[in-house]
Amino acid sequence: MNWKKFGIVSLIAFPILLVIDVVYDAITSKNGVQASEILGVKNLIFKSITAAIIGFFVATSKKEKQG
């Protein structure tokens, strides 16, 4: 596994997941965006686990050669 690629992709995926969560909450929530829910420990743990899973799949994927 390419650890450098794993780390970079995980660090890029985490803020993207936070932005997606904020946009989703803004669209679906009647009370608007609440920082306490977005920055809650439970929410951040799930986002970091998801970012690590995304990083793992990107780091272990192999590009197929065409030809």
PDB file of N, CA and C in Angstrom:
ATOM      1  N   MET A   1       0.846  -1.179   0.000  1.00  0.00           N
ATOM      2  CA  MET A   1       0.000   0.000   0.000  1.00  0.00           C
ATOM      3  C   MET A   1       0.889   1.238   0.000  1.00  0.00           C
ATOM      4  N   ASN A   2       0.461   2.229  -0.729  1.00  0.00           N
ATOM      5  CA  ASN A   2       1.179   3.485  -0.826  1.00  0.00           C
ATOM      6  C   ASN A   2       0.714   4.405   0.308  1.00  0.00           C
ATOM      7  N   TRP A   3       1.522   4.497   1.385  1.00  0.00           N
ATOM      8  CA  TRP A   3       1.121   5.248   2.572  1.00  0.00           C
ATOM      9  C   TRP A   3       1.037   6.747   2.321  1.00  0.00           C
ATOM     10  N   LYS A   4       1.920   7.250   1.472  1.00  0.00           N
ATOM     11  CA  LYS A   4       1.894   8.683   1.170  1.00  0.00           C
ATOM     12  C   LYS A   4       0.583   9.046   0.463  1.00  0.00           C
ATOM     13  N   LYS A   5       0.195   8.230  -0.498  1.00  0.00           N
ATOM     14  CA  LYS A   5      -1.058   8.455  -1.224  1.00  0.00           C
ATOM     15  C   LYS A   5      -2.249   8.326  -0.279  1.00  0.00           C
ATOM     16  N   PHE A   6      -2.194   7.349   0.618  1.00  0.00           N
ATOM     17  CA  PHE A   6      -3.253   7.151   1.605  1.00  0.00           C
ATOM     18  C   PHE A   6      -3.435   8.394   2.469  1.00  0.00           C
ATOM     19  N   GLY A   7      -2.343   8.936   2.962  1.00  0.00           N
ATOM     20  CA  GLY A   7      -2.412  10.116   3.821  1.00  0.00           C
ATOM     21  C   GLY A   7      -2.928  11.344   3.100  1.00  0.00           C
ATOM     22  N   ILE A   8      -2.443  11.558   1.893  1.00  0.00           N
ATOM     23  CA  ILE A   8      -2.867  12.730   1.123  1.00  0.00           C
ATOM     24  C   ILE A   8      -4.347  12.649   0.786  1.00  0.00           C
ATOM     25  N   VAL A   9      -4.793  11.500   0.311  1.00  0.00           N
ATOM     26  CA  VAL A   9      -6.206  11.347  -0.066  1.00  0.00           C
ATOM     27  C   VAL A   9      -7.104  11.458   1.162  1.00  0.00           C
ATOM     28  N   SER A  10      -6.685  10.898   2.289  1.00  0.00           N
ATOM     29  CA  SER A  10      -7.487  10.997   3.508  1.00  0.00           C
ATOM     30  C   SER A  10      -7.607  12.441   3.975  1.00  0.00           C
ATOM     31  N   LEU A  11      -6.507  13.184   3.900  1.00  0.00           N
ATOM     32  CA  LEU A  11      -6.540  14.592   4.307  1.00  0.00           C
ATOM     33  C   LEU A  11      -7.362  15.453   3.359  1.00  0.00           C
ATOM     34  N   ILE A  12      -7.425  15.077   2.108  1.00  0.00           N
ATOM     35  CA  ILE A  12      -8.249  15.817   1.145  1.00  0.00           C
ATOM     36  C   ILE A  12      -9.720  15.429   1.299  1.00  0.00           C
ATOM     37  N   ALA A  13      -9.990  14.163   1.563  1.00  0.00           N
ATOM     38  CA  ALA A  13     -11.375  13.683   1.647  1.00  0.00           C
ATOM     39  C   ALA A  13     -12.096  14.209   2.884  1.00  0.00           C
ATOM     40  N   PHE A  14     -11.390  14.389   3.993  1.00  0.00           N
ATOM     41  CA  PHE A  14     -12.036  14.806   5.237  1.00  0.00           C
ATOM     42  C   PHE A  14     -12.736  16.162   5.122  1.00  0.00           C
ATOM     43  N   PRO A  15     -12.071  17.225   4.654  1.00  0.00           N
ATOM     44  CA  PRO A  15     -12.801  18.499   4.527  1.00  0.00           C
ATOM     45  C   PRO A  15     -13.898  18.458   3.472  1.00  0.00           C
ATOM     46  N   ILE A  16     -13.709  17.655   2.433  1.00  0.00           N
ATOM     47  CA  ILE A  16     -14.762  17.527   1.415  1.00  0.00           C
ATOM     48  C   ILE A  16     -16.006  16.895   2.042  1.00  0.00           C
ATOM     49  N   LEU A  17     -15.812  15.893   2.888  1.00  0.00           N
ATOM     50  CA  LEU A  17     -16.941  15.268   3.581  1.00  0.00           C
ATOM     51  C   LEU A  17     -17.634  16.256   4.517  1.00  0.00           C
ATOM     52  N   LEU A  18     -16.859  17.116   5.169  1.00  0.00           N
ATOM     53  CA  LEU A  18     -17.465  18.132   6.033  1.00  0.00           C
ATOM     54  C   LEU A  18     -18.306  19.114   5.227  1.00  0.00           C
ATOM     55  N   VAL A  19     -17.806  19.537   4.078  1.00  0.00           N
ATOM     56  CA  VAL A  19     -18.557  20.466   3.227  1.00  0.00           C
ATOM     57  C   VAL A  19     -19.841  19.807   2.733  1.00  0.00           C
ATOM     58  N   ILE A  20     -19.753  18.557   2.331  1.00  0.00           N
ATOM     59  CA  ILE A  20     -20.948  17.838   1.882  1.00  0.00           C
ATOM     60  C   ILE A  20     -21.972  17.762   3.013  1.00  0.00           C
ATOM     61  N   ASP A  21     -21.512  17.518   4.236  1.00  0.00           N
ATOM     62  CA  ASP A  21     -22.414  17.448   5.383  1.00  0.00           C
ATOM     63  C   ASP A  21     -23.084  18.794   5.651  1.00  0.00           C
ATOM     64  N   VAL A  22     -22.333  19.880   5.562  1.00  0.00           N
ATOM     65  CA  VAL A  22     -22.899  21.212   5.783  1.00  0.00           C
ATOM     66  C   VAL A  22     -23.943  21.527   4.722  1.00  0.00           C
ATOM     67  N   VAL A  23     -23.638  21.245   3.472  1.00  0.00           N
ATOM     68  CA  VAL A  23     -24.587  21.510   2.385  1.00  0.00           C
ATOM     69  C   VAL A  23     -25.841  20.657   2.558  1.00  0.00           C
ATOM     70  N   TYR A  24     -25.667  19.392   2.897  1.00  0.00           N
ATOM     71  CA  TYR A  24     -26.820  18.506   3.096  1.00  0.00           C
ATOM     72  C   TYR A  24     -27.692  18.989   4.258  1.00  0.00           C
ATOM     73  N   ASP A  25     -27.045  19.388   5.359  1.00  0.00           N
ATOM     74  CA  ASP A  25     -27.810  19.898   6.498  1.00  0.00           C
ATOM     75  C   ASP A  25     -28.525  21.198   6.157  1.00  0.00           C
ATOM     76  N   ALA A  26     -27.895  22.051   5.375  1.00  0.00           N
ATOM     77  CA  ALA A  26     -28.524  23.315   4.991  1.00  0.00           C
ATOM     78  C   ALA A  26     -29.753  23.076   4.123  1.00  0.00           C
ATOM     79  N   ILE A  27     -29.712  22.061   3.292  1.00  0.00           N
ATOM     80  CA  ILE A  27     -30.838  21.773   2.396  1.00  0.00           C
ATOM     81  C   ILE A  27     -31.972  21.073   3.139  1.00  0.00           C
ATOM     82  N   THR A  28     -31.646  20.117   3.995  1.00  0.00           N
ATOM     83  CA  THR A  28     -32.680  19.268   4.587  1.00  0.00           C
ATOM     84  C   THR A  28     -33.163  19.707   5.964  1.00  0.00           C
ATOM     85  N   SER A  29     -32.386  20.472   6.690  1.00  0.00           N
ATOM     86  CA  SER A  29     -32.753  20.824   8.056  1.00  0.00           C
ATOM     87  C   SER A  29     -33.690  22.021   8.088  1.00  0.00           C
ATOM     88  N   LYS A  30     -34.704  21.932   8.930  1.00  0.00           N
ATOM     89  CA  LYS A  30     -35.633  23.047   9.088  1.00  0.00           C
ATOM     90  C   LYS A  30     -35.042  24.132   9.982  1.00  0.00           C
ATOM     91  N   ASN A  31     -34.132  23.757  10.872  1.00  0.00           N
ATOM     92  CA  ASN A  31     -33.530  24.707  11.808  1.00  0.00           C
ATOM     93  C   ASN A  31     -32.251  25.332  11.271  1.00  0.00           C
ATOM     94  N   GLY A  32     -31.830  24.958  10.086  1.00  0.00           N
ATOM     95  CA  GLY A  32     -30.585  25.469   9.529  1.00  0.00           C
ATOM     96  C   GLY A  32     -29.390  24.651   9.981  1.00  0.00           C
ATOM     97  N   VAL A  33     -28.229  25.132   9.653  1.00  0.00           N
ATOM     98  CA  VAL A  33     -26.993  24.429   9.978  1.00  0.00           C
ATOM     99  C   VAL A  33     -26.640  24.698  11.439  1.00  0.00           C
ATOM    100  N   GLN A  34     -26.415  23.632  12.183  1.00  0.00           N
ATOM    101  CA  GLN A  34     -26.035  23.756  13.586  1.00  0.00           C
ATOM    102  C   GLN A  34     -24.603  23.262  13.754  1.00  0.00           C
ATOM    103  N   ALA A  35     -23.728  24.157  14.209  1.00  0.00           N
ATOM    104  CA  ALA A  35     -22.315  23.824  14.347  1.00  0.00           C
ATOM    105  C   ALA A  35     -22.094  22.713  15.370  1.00  0.00           C
ATOM    106  N   SER A  36     -22.946  22.638  16.379  1.00  0.00           N
ATOM    107  CA  SER A  36     -22.765  21.608  17.407  1.00  0.00           C
ATOM    108  C   SER A  36     -22.963  20.204  16.837  1.00  0.00           C
ATOM    109  N   GLU A  37     -23.826  20.075  15.843  1.00  0.00           N
ATOM    110  CA  GLU A  37     -24.025  18.766  15.215  1.00  0.00           C
ATOM    111  C   GLU A  37     -22.901  18.446  14.240  1.00  0.00           C
ATOM    112  N   ILE A  38     -22.469  19.435  13.474  1.00  0.00           N
ATOM    113  CA  ILE A  38     -21.435  19.204  12.465  1.00  0.00           C
ATOM    114  C   ILE A  38     -20.090  18.919  13.120  1.00  0.00           C
ATOM    115  N   LEU A  39     -19.771  19.642  14.196  1.00  0.00           N
ATOM    116  CA  LEU A  39     -18.482  19.477  14.856  1.00  0.00           C
ATOM    117  C   LEU A  39     -18.559  18.566  16.077  1.00  0.00           C
ATOM    118  N   GLY A  40     -19.625  17.800  16.182  1.00  0.00           N
ATOM    119  CA  GLY A  40     -19.752  16.840  17.277  1.00  0.00           C
ATOM    120  C   GLY A  40     -18.756  15.703  17.126  1.00  0.00           C
ATOM    121  N   VAL A  41     -18.353  15.142  18.254  1.00  0.00           N
ATOM    122  CA  VAL A  41     -17.337  14.090  18.251  1.00  0.00           C
ATOM    123  C   VAL A  41     -17.794  12.882  17.437  1.00  0.00           C
ATOM    124  N   LYS A  42     -19.042  12.474  17.625  1.00  0.00           N
ATOM    125  CA  LYS A  42     -19.562  11.306  16.905  1.00  0.00           C
ATOM    126  C   LYS A  42     -19.515  11.535  15.395  1.00  0.00           C
ATOM    127  N   ASN A  43     -19.911  12.707  14.966  1.00  0.00           N
ATOM    128  CA  ASN A  43     -19.924  13.043  13.545  1.00  0.00           C
ATOM    129  C   ASN A  43     -18.499  13.091  12.981  1.00  0.00           C
ATOM    130  N   LEU A  44     -17.573  13.691  13.728  1.00  0.00           N
ATOM    131  CA  LEU A  44     -16.190  13.793  13.248  1.00  0.00           C
ATOM    132  C   LEU A  44     -15.504  12.429  13.204  1.00  0.00           C
ATOM    133  N   ILE A  45     -15.839  11.552  14.142  1.00  0.00           N
ATOM    134  CA  ILE A  45     -15.256  10.205  14.122  1.00  0.00           C
ATOM    135  C   ILE A  45     -15.710   9.450  12.877  1.00  0.00           C
ATOM    136  N   PHE A  46     -17.004   9.522  12.570  1.00  0.00           N
ATOM    137  CA  PHE A  46     -17.496   8.841  11.369  1.00  0.00           C
ATOM    138  C   PHE A  46     -16.898   9.440  10.101  1.00  0.00           C
ATOM    139  N   LYS A  47     -16.709  10.744  10.067  1.00  0.00           N
ATOM    140  CA  LYS A  47     -16.109  11.388   8.888  1.00  0.00           C
ATOM    141  C   LYS A  47     -14.648  10.969   8.740  1.00  0.00           C
ATOM    142  N   SER A  48     -13.913  10.883   9.845  1.00  0.00           N
ATOM    143  CA  SER A  48     -12.510  10.477   9.753  1.00  0.00           C
ATOM    144  C   SER A  48     -12.381   9.014   9.338  1.00  0.00           C
ATOM    145  N   ILE A  49     -13.275   8.163   9.824  1.00  0.00           N
ATOM    146  CA  ILE A  49     -13.260   6.755   9.404  1.00  0.00           C
ATOM    147  C   ILE A  49     -13.579   6.647   7.918  1.00  0.00           C
ATOM    148  N   THR A  50     -14.566   7.417   7.458  1.00  0.00           N
ATOM    149  CA  THR A  50     -14.923   7.406   6.040  1.00  0.00           C
ATOM    150  C   THR A  50     -13.771   7.912   5.185  1.00  0.00           C
ATOM    151  N   ALA A  51     -13.092   8.971   5.631  1.00  0.00           N
ATOM    152  CA  ALA A  51     -11.946   9.492   4.887  1.00  0.00           C
ATOM    153  C   ALA A  51     -10.827   8.459   4.829  1.00  0.00           C
ATOM    154  N   ALA A  52     -10.617   7.722   5.912  1.00  0.00           N
ATOM    155  CA  ALA A  52      -9.591   6.678   5.919  1.00  0.00           C
ATOM    156  C   ALA A  52      -9.949   5.540   4.969  1.00  0.00           C
ATOM    157  N   ILE A  53     -11.221   5.184   4.912  1.00  0.00           N
ATOM    158  CA  ILE A  53     -11.655   4.128   3.986  1.00  0.00           C
ATOM    159  C   ILE A  53     -11.470   4.578   2.546  1.00  0.00           C
ATOM    160  N   ILE A  54     -11.830   5.824   2.250  1.00  0.00           N
ATOM    161  CA  ILE A  54     -11.625   6.361   0.898  1.00  0.00           C
ATOM    162  C   ILE A  54     -10.139   6.355   0.560  1.00  0.00           C
ATOM    163  N   GLY A  55      -9.312   6.805   1.504  1.00  0.00           N
ATOM    164  CA  GLY A  55      -7.867   6.804   1.288  1.00  0.00           C
ATOM    165  C   GLY A  55      -7.313   5.415   1.053  1.00  0.00           C
ATOM    166  N   PHE A  56      -7.826   4.429   1.783  1.00  0.00           N
ATOM    167  CA  PHE A  56      -7.379   3.050   1.605  1.00  0.00           C
ATOM    168  C   PHE A  56      -7.693   2.542   0.209  1.00  0.00           C
ATOM    169  N   PHE A  57      -8.932   2.773  -0.248  1.00  0.00           N
ATOM    170  CA  PHE A  57      -9.313   2.270  -1.564  1.00  0.00           C
ATOM    171  C   PHE A  57      -8.540   2.967  -2.682  1.00  0.00           C
ATOM    172  N   VAL A  58      -8.291   4.249  -2.534  1.00  0.00           N
ATOM    173  CA  VAL A  58      -7.525   4.954  -3.563  1.00  0.00           C
ATOM    174  C   VAL A  58      -6.070   4.493  -3.546  1.00  0.00           C
ATOM    175  N   ALA A  59      -5.499   4.305  -2.357  1.00  0.00           N
ATOM    176  CA  ALA A  59      -4.093   3.913  -2.254  1.00  0.00           C
ATOM    177  C   ALA A  59      -3.849   2.490  -2.731  1.00  0.00           C
ATOM    178  N   THR A  60      -4.836   1.629  -2.605  1.00  0.00           N
ATOM    179  CA  THR A  60      -4.633   0.237  -3.005  1.00  0.00           C
ATOM    180  C   THR A  60      -5.137  -0.070  -4.405  1.00  0.00           C
ATOM    181  N   SER A  61      -5.785   0.891  -5.038  1.00  0.00           N
ATOM    182  CA  SER A  61      -6.281   0.631  -6.392  1.00  0.00           C
ATOM    183  C   SER A  61      -5.122   0.659  -7.380  1.00  0.00           C
ATOM    184  N   LYS A  62      -5.196  -0.205  -8.354  1.00  0.00           N
ATOM    185  CA  LYS A  62      -4.170  -0.273  -9.389  1.00  0.00           C
ATOM    186  C   LYS A  62      -4.802   0.111 -10.711  1.00  0.00           C
ATOM    187  N   LYS A  63      -4.107   0.949 -11.439  1.00  0.00           N
ATOM    188  CA  LYS A  63      -4.616   1.357 -12.747  1.00  0.00           C
ATOM    189  C   LYS A  63      -4.297   0.270 -13.763  1.00  0.00           C
ATOM    190  N   GLU A  64      -5.292  -0.042 -14.576  1.00  0.00           N
ATOM    191  CA  GLU A  64      -5.108  -1.062 -15.600  1.00  0.00           C
ATOM    192  C   GLU A  64      -4.439  -0.449 -16.820  1.00  0.00           C
ATOM    193  N   LYS A  65      -3.515  -1.197 -17.376  1.00  0.00           N
ATOM    194  CA  LYS A  65      -2.846  -0.732 -18.589  1.00  0.00           C
ATOM    195  C   LYS A  65      -3.699  -1.079 -19.792  1.00  0.00           C
ATOM    196  N   GLN A  66      -3.871  -0.099 -20.664  1.00  0.00           N
ATOM    197  CA  GLN A  66      -4.631  -0.346 -21.887  1.00  0.00           C
ATOM    198  C   GLN A  66      -3.652  -0.655 -23.008  1.00  0.00           C
ATOM    199  N   GLY A  67      -4.000  -1.611 -23.823  1.00  0.00           N
ATOM    200  CA  GLY A  67      -3.107  -1.887 -24.929  1.00  0.00           C
ATOM    201  C   GLY A  67      -3.167  -3.259 -25.340  1.00  0.00           C
TER     202      GLY A  67
END
